[in-house]
Structure formats: C-alpha cells, structure tokens
Amino acid sequence: MNAGIPAPRTVVSEAEWHARVDLAASYRLVALFGMDDLVFTHISARVPDEDGHFLINPYGLGFDEMTASSMVKVDAGGRKVMPSPYDINPAGFVIHGAVHDARHDVACVVHTHSVDGVAVACQRDGVLPLSQHSILVLGSLAYHDYEGIALDEDERPRLVRDLGDADYLVLRNHGLLTVGTNIGEAFVRMYLLETACAIQVRAQAGGASMRLLDGAVVERGIAQFGAVTRGAGAAIAWPALRRKLDRIDPSYAN
C-alpha cells in the first residue's frame, strides 16, 4: 500500500478480511482456469455486516496479481469508502451494483468474457442441453440482451428484471455472469457455466450431428445434481480450490 494508507488487515473486521481473502482467491482461480480477459471483467462481494459496502478489484491489476489487501471497498454507487491507491472500473460496478442492490440473497457476483462463454452468448439458442455440465446450469439460467458497454445506469432495471431469481445469466453477445450466497458458490457456478459453454463449442466444432438431452432427463439431472453436490457444490469444491492455490502461490492471502 502507499505510504500513509494503513494496511487493510490492521483496520478491517475479521469477517471482512476473510471475505477479502476468498475474493482474491476467486480472482486467482479465474486466471488459473483461463477465464480472465486481461484486466477487464470483475468479481464483487458484499462486505459482511456492512450494509451497502462491497469489495471489487483494483482496475489495472491482472487477476493473477490480486491480493486480499488490494481489494477496493466501495459503496453502492461505486465510490471508495476506504483509502486505496487504486481506482475501479466504473463499467464493472454498473452491472455488479445493480445485482447487489436487487438481490439481497447474493453475496458475490462473478462476470467473465471468456472466449467460449462469449461464443455461446452469441448463439441464438444460448446454452443447449448437450452435456451433464449443461444440466447443472439450465435449471436456473436467464438471458439479458446486449445494450452496449455497461456504462448506462438506465440499463440496470432491465438487467435485474432479466436475472430475476436465477443464479446464472448469459449476457448476450457479451459474456457470462453468476451469483452466489458466498464467494465460493459464485465461483463454482461460473466454472460450471464456462465448462458447459466450452463443451458446447467443441461439440459444435466437431461437425457431427449433436444429440440434445431430453427435457425429462434434464429435469431429473437438475434434482440429482443438488442431492449429490449439496447445492451448487461449493461446500465440497471451494476448500480444495483454496488448497490448490496455497500450493501454487499463497500470496493471494496477503
């Protein structure tokens, strides 16, 4: 941190620090799994026990550079509420702020521009019932039409309307978005959605006739998924993902 600005670890609550560490981990994992887009796109998280305060990435740092200390604390309008040498991308918080304002059950929002995710977002029919991974997202998937770079506050009500109570959102011609009741859940959902899109793009590239899953199979699979993974799967997968990061580079927790 800059001289004169206290290190966040010394001035934030224990709950906020844990959120910062998990958020930094989610950025590192997005980079590790190849879902980042240079310094663009965002992951945001509510600050526990602080109404209207959020954590988001410093604009200009790569996702593989994120640390708990570097996260920027902002209010619902994207204005910094704690000293930081970093700015945030205003376009990012138009989307994230809208979701957080409307969905109080959401603790974290993940947004990506991956190649496969955007490829599927450009397809008229969106995510197809092709794979087991697709089943995992189809039960709570919504779509929002592209209106340009997310700088217009007027788009927020339409974005919120289209998301509704879904956990997965395809931003047509733009990218993907997932939400979760915690950071791990939002990340695991994004991993599932991104993987479903990658499988779809590869299956289409093979050129052979594709076999779509029957609607009844999809419905049964959705119910089975919840039972096997205990929800979105984050309770099982997130600790393992954190251990993976600890082995690779534990500096995210600084």
C-alpha atoms as a PDB file:
ATOM      1  CA  MET A   1       0.000   0.000   0.000  1.00  0.00           C
ATOM      2  CA  ASN A   2       1.030   3.659  -0.431  1.00  0.00           C
ATOM      3  CA  ALA A   3       2.781   5.461   2.407  1.00  0.00           C
ATOM      4  CA  GLY A   4       0.230   6.923   4.810  1.00  0.00           C
ATOM      5  CA  ILE A   5      -2.507   4.412   3.920  1.00  0.00           C
ATOM      6  CA  PRO A   6      -2.894   1.737   6.601  1.00  0.00           C
ATOM      7  CA  ALA A   7      -2.787  -1.900   5.526  1.00  0.00           C
ATOM      8  CA  PRO A   8      -6.382  -3.214   5.369  1.00  0.00           C
ATOM      9  CA  ARG A   9      -5.540  -6.170   7.618  1.00  0.00           C
ATOM     10  CA  THR A  10      -4.989  -3.756  10.503  1.00  0.00           C
ATOM     11  CA  VAL A  11      -8.247  -1.791  10.160  1.00  0.00           C
ATOM     12  CA  VAL A  12     -10.964  -4.139   8.874  1.00  0.00           C
ATOM     13  CA  SER A  13     -13.053  -6.687  10.742  1.00  0.00           C
ATOM     14  CA  GLU A  14     -12.120 -10.358  10.808  1.00  0.00           C
ATOM     15  CA  ALA A  15     -15.192 -11.131   8.686  1.00  0.00           C
ATOM     16  CA  GLU A  16     -14.191  -8.583   6.054  1.00  0.00           C
ATOM     17  CA  TRP A  17     -10.644  -9.920   5.959  1.00  0.00           C
ATOM     18  CA  HIS A  18     -11.907 -13.456   5.335  1.00  0.00           C
ATOM     19  CA  ALA A  19     -14.099 -12.098   2.513  1.00  0.00           C
ATOM     20  CA  ARG A  20     -11.085 -10.289   1.035  1.00  0.00           C
ATOM     21  CA  VAL A  21      -9.032 -13.491   1.069  1.00  0.00           C
ATOM     22  CA  ASP A  22     -11.814 -15.515  -0.570  1.00  0.00           C
ATOM     23  CA  LEU A  23     -12.375 -12.789  -3.161  1.00  0.00           C
ATOM     24  CA  ALA A  24      -8.673 -12.622  -4.021  1.00  0.00           C
ATOM     25  CA  ALA A  25      -8.703 -16.428  -4.305  1.00  0.00           C
ATOM     26  CA  SER A  26     -11.612 -16.285  -6.751  1.00  0.00           C
ATOM     27  CA  TYR A  27      -9.701 -13.849  -8.982  1.00  0.00           C
ATOM     28  CA  ARG A  28      -6.606 -16.064  -8.940  1.00  0.00           C
ATOM     29  CA  LEU A  29      -8.757 -19.101  -9.817  1.00  0.00           C
ATOM     30  CA  VAL A  30     -10.466 -17.303 -12.707  1.00  0.00           C
ATOM     31  CA  ALA A  31      -6.979 -16.601 -14.078  1.00  0.00           C
ATOM     32  CA  LEU A  32      -5.773 -20.134 -13.347  1.00  0.00           C
ATOM     33  CA  PHE A  33      -8.671 -21.665 -15.283  1.00  0.00           C
ATOM     34  CA  GLY A  34      -8.216 -19.260 -18.213  1.00  0.00           C
ATOM     35  CA  MET A  35     -11.461 -17.349 -17.718  1.00  0.00           C
ATOM     36  CA  ASP A  36      -9.924 -13.874 -17.363  1.00  0.00           C
ATOM     37  CA  ASP A  37      -9.825 -11.123 -20.000  1.00  0.00           C
ATOM     38  CA  LEU A  38      -6.622  -9.136 -19.372  1.00  0.00           C
ATOM     39  CA  VAL A  39      -7.584  -6.657 -16.602  1.00  0.00           C
ATOM     40  CA  PHE A  40     -11.246  -6.479 -17.612  1.00  0.00           C
ATOM     41  CA  THR A  41     -14.359  -8.067 -16.043  1.00  0.00           C
ATOM     42  CA  HIS A  42     -14.971  -8.229 -12.343  1.00  0.00           C
ATOM     43  CA  ILE A  43     -15.864 -10.206  -9.265  1.00  0.00           C
ATOM     44  CA  SER A  44     -17.530  -8.348  -6.406  1.00  0.00           C
ATOM     45  CA  ALA A  45     -18.504  -9.344  -2.880  1.00  0.00           C
ATOM     46  CA  ARG A  46     -20.561  -7.816  -0.101  1.00  0.00           C
ATOM     47  CA  VAL A  47     -18.675  -6.706   2.974  1.00  0.00           C
ATOM     48  CA  PRO A  48     -20.085  -8.841   5.813  1.00  0.00           C
ATOM     49  CA  ASP A  49     -22.096  -6.896   8.397  1.00  0.00           C
ATOM     50  CA  GLU A  50     -21.824  -3.604   6.470  1.00  0.00           C
ATOM     51  CA  ASP A  51     -24.933  -2.560   4.566  1.00  0.00           C
ATOM     52  CA  GLY A  52     -24.190  -1.112   1.153  1.00  0.00           C
ATOM     53  CA  HIS A  53     -20.438  -1.761   1.108  1.00  0.00           C
ATOM     54  CA  PHE A  54     -18.711  -4.019  -1.414  1.00  0.00           C
ATOM     55  CA  LEU A  55     -15.273  -5.256  -2.414  1.00  0.00           C
ATOM     56  CA  ILE A  56     -14.133  -5.222  -6.038  1.00  0.00           C
ATOM     57  CA  ASN A  57     -10.883  -5.442  -7.985  1.00  0.00           C
ATOM     58  CA  PRO A  58      -8.424  -2.582  -8.427  1.00  0.00           C
ATOM     59  CA  TYR A  59      -8.567  -1.551 -12.081  1.00  0.00           C
ATOM     60  CA  GLY A  60      -5.331  -2.309 -13.882  1.00  0.00           C
ATOM     61  CA  LEU A  61      -4.082  -5.298 -11.899  1.00  0.00           C
ATOM     62  CA  GLY A  62      -4.152  -8.704 -13.524  1.00  0.00           C
ATOM     63  CA  PHE A  63      -6.378 -11.330 -11.956  1.00  0.00           C
ATOM     64  CA  ASP A  64      -3.263 -13.354 -11.119  1.00  0.00           C
ATOM     65  CA  GLU A  65      -1.934 -10.374  -9.123  1.00  0.00           C
ATOM     66  CA  MET A  66      -4.922  -9.923  -6.819  1.00  0.00           C
ATOM     67  CA  THR A  67      -4.420  -9.994  -3.063  1.00  0.00           C
ATOM     68  CA  ALA A  68      -6.727  -9.567  -0.097  1.00  0.00           C
ATOM     69  CA  SER A  69      -5.123  -6.190   0.679  1.00  0.00           C
ATOM     70  CA  SER A  70      -5.552  -4.845  -2.853  1.00  0.00           C
ATOM     71  CA  MET A  71      -9.349  -5.180  -2.965  1.00  0.00           C
ATOM     72  CA  VAL A  72     -11.121  -1.815  -3.139  1.00  0.00           C
ATOM     73  CA  LYS A  73     -14.002  -1.120  -0.763  1.00  0.00           C
ATOM     74  CA  VAL A  74     -16.833   0.890  -2.331  1.00  0.00           C
ATOM     75  CA  ASP A  75     -20.422   1.920  -1.651  1.00  0.00           C
ATOM     76  CA  ALA A  76     -23.485   1.113  -3.760  1.00  0.00           C
ATOM     77  CA  GLY A  77     -22.520   3.884  -6.188  1.00  0.00           C
ATOM     78  CA  GLY A  78     -19.009   2.544  -6.716  1.00  0.00           C
ATOM     79  CA  ARG A  79     -17.394   5.303  -4.634  1.00  0.00           C
ATOM     80  CA  LYS A  80     -14.422   4.390  -2.435  1.00  0.00           C
ATOM     81  CA  VAL A  81     -15.284   4.313   1.260  1.00  0.00           C
ATOM     82  CA  MET A  82     -11.803   3.341   2.448  1.00  0.00           C
ATOM     83  CA  PRO A  83      -8.438   4.781   1.360  1.00  0.00           C
ATOM     84  CA  SER A  84      -6.871   2.900  -1.537  1.00  0.00           C
ATOM     85  CA  PRO A  85      -4.224   3.789  -4.122  1.00  0.00           C
ATOM     86  CA  TYR A  86      -6.352   2.024  -6.737  1.00  0.00           C
ATOM     87  CA  ASP A  87      -9.394   3.038  -8.784  1.00  0.00           C
ATOM     88  CA  ILE A  88     -12.144   0.709 -10.023  1.00  0.00           C
ATOM     89  CA  ASN A  89     -13.655   0.250 -13.467  1.00  0.00           C
ATOM     90  CA  PRO A  90     -16.966   2.182 -13.434  1.00  0.00           C
ATOM     91  CA  ALA A  91     -18.451  -0.035 -16.137  1.00  0.00           C
ATOM     92  CA  GLY A  92     -17.991  -3.010 -13.870  1.00  0.00           C
ATOM     93  CA  PHE A  93     -19.955  -1.640 -10.985  1.00  0.00           C
ATOM     94  CA  VAL A  94     -22.947  -0.669 -13.105  1.00  0.00           C
ATOM     95  CA  ILE A  95     -23.598  -4.389 -13.511  1.00  0.00           C
ATOM     96  CA  HIS A  96     -22.464  -5.520 -10.078  1.00  0.00           C
ATOM     97  CA  GLY A  97     -24.146  -2.699  -8.192  1.00  0.00           C
ATOM     98  CA  ALA A  98     -27.456  -3.411  -9.896  1.00  0.00           C
ATOM     99  CA  VAL A  99     -27.372  -7.084  -8.928  1.00  0.00           C
ATOM    100  CA  HIS A 100     -26.288  -6.451  -5.344  1.00  0.00           C
ATOM    101  CA  ASP A 101     -28.947  -3.757  -4.917  1.00  0.00           C
ATOM    102  CA  ALA A 102     -31.760  -6.012  -6.148  1.00  0.00           C
ATOM    103  CA  ARG A 103     -30.674  -9.408  -4.825  1.00  0.00           C
ATOM    104  CA  HIS A 104     -30.020  -9.286  -1.098  1.00  0.00           C
ATOM    105  CA  ASP A 105     -29.501 -13.051  -1.094  1.00  0.00           C
ATOM    106  CA  VAL A 106     -26.405 -12.534  -3.269  1.00  0.00           C
ATOM    107  CA  ALA A 107     -23.047 -12.158  -1.529  1.00  0.00           C
ATOM    108  CA  CYS A 108     -20.897 -12.416  -4.668  1.00  0.00           C
ATOM    109  CA  VAL A 109     -21.196 -11.680  -8.396  1.00  0.00           C
ATOM    110  CA  VAL A 110     -18.764 -13.137 -10.964  1.00  0.00           C
ATOM    111  CA  HIS A 111     -18.618 -11.760 -14.520  1.00  0.00           C
ATOM    112  CA  THR A 112     -16.406 -13.138 -17.320  1.00  0.00           C
ATOM    113  CA  HIS A 113     -15.640 -12.560 -21.018  1.00  0.00           C
ATOM    114  CA  SER A 114     -14.120 -15.949 -21.821  1.00  0.00           C
ATOM    115  CA  VAL A 115     -13.852 -16.963 -25.484  1.00  0.00           C
ATOM    116  CA  ASP A 116     -16.172 -19.962 -25.132  1.00  0.00           C
ATOM    117  CA  GLY A 117     -18.604 -18.067 -22.930  1.00  0.00           C
ATOM    118  CA  VAL A 118     -18.889 -15.186 -25.403  1.00  0.00           C
ATOM    119  CA  ALA A 119     -19.168 -17.664 -28.286  1.00  0.00           C
ATOM    120  CA  VAL A 120     -22.228 -19.254 -26.699  1.00  0.00           C
ATOM    121  CA  ALA A 121     -23.575 -15.811 -25.734  1.00  0.00           C
ATOM    122  CA  CYS A 122     -23.532 -15.005 -29.471  1.00  0.00           C
ATOM    123  CA  GLN A 123     -25.666 -18.039 -30.344  1.00  0.00           C
ATOM    124  CA  ARG A 124     -29.399 -17.528 -30.739  1.00  0.00           C
ATOM    125  CA  ASP A 125     -30.311 -20.583 -28.629  1.00  0.00           C
ATOM    126  CA  GLY A 126     -27.748 -19.969 -25.902  1.00  0.00           C
ATOM    127  CA  VAL A 127     -26.776 -22.896 -23.677  1.00  0.00           C
ATOM    128  CA  LEU A 128     -28.012 -26.165 -25.182  1.00  0.00           C
ATOM    129  CA  PRO A 129     -28.895 -29.340 -23.219  1.00  0.00           C
ATOM    130  CA  LEU A 130     -25.867 -31.178 -24.557  1.00  0.00           C
ATOM    131  CA  SER A 131     -23.821 -32.307 -21.575  1.00  0.00           C
ATOM    132  CA  GLN A 132     -24.090 -33.153 -17.924  1.00  0.00           C
ATOM    133  CA  HIS A 133     -22.479 -29.785 -17.199  1.00  0.00           C
ATOM    134  CA  SER A 134     -25.251 -28.033 -19.120  1.00  0.00           C
ATOM    135  CA  ILE A 135     -27.863 -29.759 -16.962  1.00  0.00           C
ATOM    136  CA  LEU A 136     -26.236 -28.254 -13.899  1.00  0.00           C
ATOM    137  CA  VAL A 137     -26.953 -24.694 -15.082  1.00  0.00           C
ATOM    138  CA  LEU A 138     -30.158 -24.981 -17.113  1.00  0.00           C
ATOM    139  CA  GLY A 139     -32.380 -25.140 -14.040  1.00  0.00           C
ATOM    140  CA  SER A 140     -31.509 -21.558 -13.064  1.00  0.00           C
ATOM    141  CA  LEU A 141     -30.391 -19.827 -16.268  1.00  0.00           C
ATOM    142  CA  ALA A 142     -31.526 -16.442 -17.619  1.00  0.00           C
ATOM    143  CA  TYR A 143     -30.567 -14.173 -20.552  1.00  0.00           C
ATOM    144  CA  HIS A 144     -30.060 -10.428 -20.989  1.00  0.00           C
ATOM    145  CA  ASP A 145     -29.821  -8.737 -24.401  1.00  0.00           C
ATOM    146  CA  TYR A 146     -26.752  -6.662 -25.245  1.00  0.00           C
ATOM    147  CA  GLU A 147     -27.214  -2.883 -24.966  1.00  0.00           C
ATOM    148  CA  GLY A 148     -23.600  -1.747 -25.332  1.00  0.00           C
ATOM    149  CA  ILE A 149     -20.768  -1.303 -22.815  1.00  0.00           C
ATOM    150  CA  ALA A 150     -22.309  -1.230 -19.331  1.00  0.00           C
ATOM    151  CA  LEU A 151     -21.951   2.461 -18.568  1.00  0.00           C
ATOM    152  CA  ASP A 152     -25.635   3.461 -18.686  1.00  0.00           C
ATOM    153  CA  GLU A 153     -27.449   3.419 -15.346  1.00  0.00           C
ATOM    154  CA  ASP A 154     -30.690   3.114 -17.311  1.00  0.00           C
ATOM    155  CA  GLU A 155     -29.806  -0.498 -18.173  1.00  0.00           C
ATOM    156  CA  ARG A 156     -29.809  -1.611 -14.554  1.00  0.00           C
ATOM    157  CA  PRO A 157     -33.570  -2.244 -14.174  1.00  0.00           C
ATOM    158  CA  ARG A 158     -33.642  -4.378 -17.328  1.00  0.00           C
ATOM    159  CA  LEU A 159     -30.603  -6.360 -16.215  1.00  0.00           C
ATOM    160  CA  VAL A 160     -32.205  -7.015 -12.820  1.00  0.00           C
ATOM    161  CA  ARG A 161     -35.528  -7.925 -14.431  1.00  0.00           C
ATOM    162  CA  ASP A 162     -33.885 -10.429 -16.757  1.00  0.00           C
ATOM    163  CA  LEU A 163     -31.787 -12.006 -14.000  1.00  0.00           C
ATOM    164  CA  GLY A 164     -34.818 -12.391 -11.720  1.00  0.00           C
ATOM    165  CA  ASP A 165     -34.061 -15.072  -9.139  1.00  0.00           C
ATOM    166  CA  ALA A 166     -31.709 -17.043 -11.445  1.00  0.00           C
ATOM    167  CA  ASP A 167     -28.181 -17.995 -10.436  1.00  0.00           C
ATOM    168  CA  TYR A 168     -26.718 -17.974 -13.978  1.00  0.00           C
ATOM    169  CA  LEU A 169     -27.044 -15.197 -16.581  1.00  0.00           C
ATOM    170  CA  VAL A 170     -25.892 -15.171 -20.192  1.00  0.00           C
ATOM    171  CA  LEU A 171     -25.226 -11.586 -21.277  1.00  0.00           C
ATOM    172  CA  ARG A 172     -25.936 -11.974 -24.980  1.00  0.00           C
ATOM    173  CA  ASN A 173     -23.037 -11.047 -27.288  1.00  0.00           C
ATOM    174  CA  HIS A 174     -21.079 -10.077 -24.169  1.00  0.00           C
ATOM    175  CA  GLY A 175     -20.269 -12.753 -21.595  1.00  0.00           C
ATOM    176  CA  LEU A 176     -21.425 -14.666 -18.546  1.00  0.00           C
ATOM    177  CA  LEU A 177     -22.483 -13.824 -15.003  1.00  0.00           C
ATOM    178  CA  THR A 178     -23.131 -15.938 -11.916  1.00  0.00           C
ATOM    179  CA  VAL A 179     -24.197 -15.157  -8.369  1.00  0.00           C
ATOM    180  CA  GLY A 180     -23.891 -16.973  -5.063  1.00  0.00           C
ATOM    181  CA  THR A 181     -24.720 -16.748  -1.395  1.00  0.00           C
ATOM    182  CA  ASN A 182     -20.972 -16.837  -0.821  1.00  0.00           C
ATOM    183  CA  ILE A 183     -17.838 -16.307  -2.909  1.00  0.00           C
ATOM    184  CA  GLY A 184     -17.057 -19.989  -3.370  1.00  0.00           C
ATOM    185  CA  GLU A 185     -20.570 -20.713  -4.596  1.00  0.00           C
ATOM    186  CA  ALA A 186     -20.480 -17.925  -7.190  1.00  0.00           C
ATOM    187  CA  PHE A 187     -17.091 -19.131  -8.460  1.00  0.00           C
ATOM    188  CA  VAL A 188     -18.108 -22.793  -8.724  1.00  0.00           C
ATOM    189  CA  ARG A 189     -21.233 -21.768 -10.627  1.00  0.00           C
ATOM    190  CA  MET A 190     -19.104 -19.808 -13.067  1.00  0.00           C
ATOM    191  CA  TYR A 191     -16.804 -22.790 -13.518  1.00  0.00           C
ATOM    192  CA  LEU A 192     -19.830 -24.979 -14.341  1.00  0.00           C
ATOM    193  CA  LEU A 193     -21.293 -22.437 -16.788  1.00  0.00           C
ATOM    194  CA  GLU A 194     -17.940 -21.834 -18.501  1.00  0.00           C
ATOM    195  CA  THR A 195     -17.368 -25.588 -18.817  1.00  0.00           C
ATOM    196  CA  ALA A 196     -20.833 -26.142 -20.289  1.00  0.00           C
ATOM    197  CA  CYS A 197     -20.064 -23.445 -22.885  1.00  0.00           C
ATOM    198  CA  ALA A 198     -16.641 -24.917 -23.719  1.00  0.00           C
ATOM    199  CA  ILE A 199     -18.148 -28.380 -24.230  1.00  0.00           C
ATOM    200  CA  GLN A 200     -20.863 -26.925 -26.445  1.00  0.00           C
ATOM    201  CA  VAL A 201     -18.421 -25.001 -28.643  1.00  0.00           C
ATOM    202  CA  ARG A 202     -16.185 -28.056 -29.054  1.00  0.00           C
ATOM    203  CA  ALA A 203     -19.128 -30.322 -29.834  1.00  0.00           C
ATOM    204  CA  GLN A 204     -20.339 -27.888 -32.486  1.00  0.00           C
ATOM    205  CA  ALA A 205     -16.836 -27.599 -33.950  1.00  0.00           C
ATOM    206  CA  GLY A 206     -16.712 -31.371 -34.420  1.00  0.00           C
ATOM    207  CA  GLY A 207     -19.233 -31.016 -37.232  1.00  0.00           C
ATOM    208  CA  ALA A 208     -21.201 -34.147 -36.349  1.00  0.00           C
ATOM    209  CA  SER A 209     -24.923 -34.167 -35.610  1.00  0.00           C
ATOM    210  CA  MET A 210     -25.449 -33.391 -31.913  1.00  0.00           C
ATOM    211  CA  ARG A 211     -27.782 -35.282 -29.618  1.00  0.00           C
ATOM    212  CA  LEU A 212     -29.722 -32.949 -27.307  1.00  0.00           C
ATOM    213  CA  LEU A 213     -30.789 -34.295 -23.938  1.00  0.00           C
ATOM    214  CA  ASP A 214     -34.479 -34.964 -23.402  1.00  0.00           C
ATOM    215  CA  GLY A 215     -36.358 -32.494 -21.216  1.00  0.00           C
ATOM    216  CA  ALA A 216     -37.281 -35.153 -18.674  1.00  0.00           C
ATOM    217  CA  VAL A 217     -33.628 -36.185 -18.385  1.00  0.00           C
ATOM    218  CA  VAL A 218     -32.643 -32.565 -17.820  1.00  0.00           C
ATOM    219  CA  GLU A 219     -35.236 -32.154 -15.066  1.00  0.00           C
ATOM    220  CA  ARG A 220     -34.131 -35.353 -13.333  1.00  0.00           C
ATOM    221  CA  GLY A 221     -30.482 -34.346 -13.648  1.00  0.00           C
ATOM    222  CA  ILE A 222     -31.136 -30.982 -12.006  1.00  0.00           C
ATOM    223  CA  ALA A 223     -32.658 -32.707  -8.971  1.00  0.00           C
ATOM    224  CA  GLN A 224     -29.859 -35.284  -8.832  1.00  0.00           C
ATOM    225  CA  PHE A 225     -27.177 -32.593  -9.008  1.00  0.00           C
ATOM    226  CA  GLY A 226     -28.500 -30.797  -5.947  1.00  0.00           C
ATOM    227  CA  ALA A 227     -28.523 -34.024  -3.954  1.00  0.00           C
ATOM    228  CA  VAL A 228     -25.034 -35.170  -4.970  1.00  0.00           C
ATOM    229  CA  THR A 229     -23.228 -31.844  -4.627  1.00  0.00           C
ATOM    230  CA  ARG A 230     -25.153 -30.474  -1.634  1.00  0.00           C
ATOM    231  CA  GLY A 231     -26.337 -27.404  -3.517  1.00  0.00           C
ATOM    232  CA  ALA A 232     -24.015 -25.754  -6.021  1.00  0.00           C
ATOM    233  CA  GLY A 233     -21.046 -27.888  -4.971  1.00  0.00           C
ATOM    234  CA  ALA A 234     -19.076 -25.058  -3.360  1.00  0.00           C
ATOM    235  CA  ALA A 235     -19.089 -26.561   0.133  1.00  0.00           C
ATOM    236  CA  ILE A 236     -17.184 -29.520  -1.300  1.00  0.00           C
ATOM    237  CA  ALA A 237     -15.074 -27.889  -4.030  1.00  0.00           C
ATOM    238  CA  TRP A 238     -14.098 -24.492  -2.572  1.00  0.00           C
ATOM    239  CA  PRO A 239     -11.809 -25.774   0.219  1.00  0.00           C
ATOM    240  CA  ALA A 240      -9.989 -27.949  -2.336  1.00  0.00           C
ATOM    241  CA  LEU A 241      -9.614 -24.976  -4.664  1.00  0.00           C
ATOM    242  CA  ARG A 242      -8.159 -22.870  -1.859  1.00  0.00           C
ATOM    243  CA  ARG A 243      -5.673 -25.648  -1.064  1.00  0.00           C
ATOM    244  CA  LYS A 244      -4.685 -25.740  -4.742  1.00  0.00           C
ATOM    245  CA  LEU A 245      -3.912 -22.022  -4.631  1.00  0.00           C
ATOM    246  CA  ASP A 246      -1.978 -22.421  -1.398  1.00  0.00           C
ATOM    247  CA  ARG A 247       0.272 -24.956  -3.127  1.00  0.00           C
ATOM    248  CA  ILE A 248       0.741 -22.826  -6.251  1.00  0.00           C
ATOM    249  CA  ASP A 249       1.130 -19.343  -4.744  1.00  0.00           C
ATOM    250  CA  PRO A 250      -0.324 -18.407  -1.328  1.00  0.00           C
ATOM    251  CA  SER A 251       0.365 -14.677  -1.830  1.00  0.00           C
ATOM    252  CA  TYR A 252      -3.316 -14.070  -2.666  1.00  0.00           C
ATOM    253  CA  ALA A 253      -3.988 -14.142   1.097  1.00  0.00           C
ATOM    254  CA  ASN A 254      -1.642 -11.202   1.803  1.00  0.00           C
END
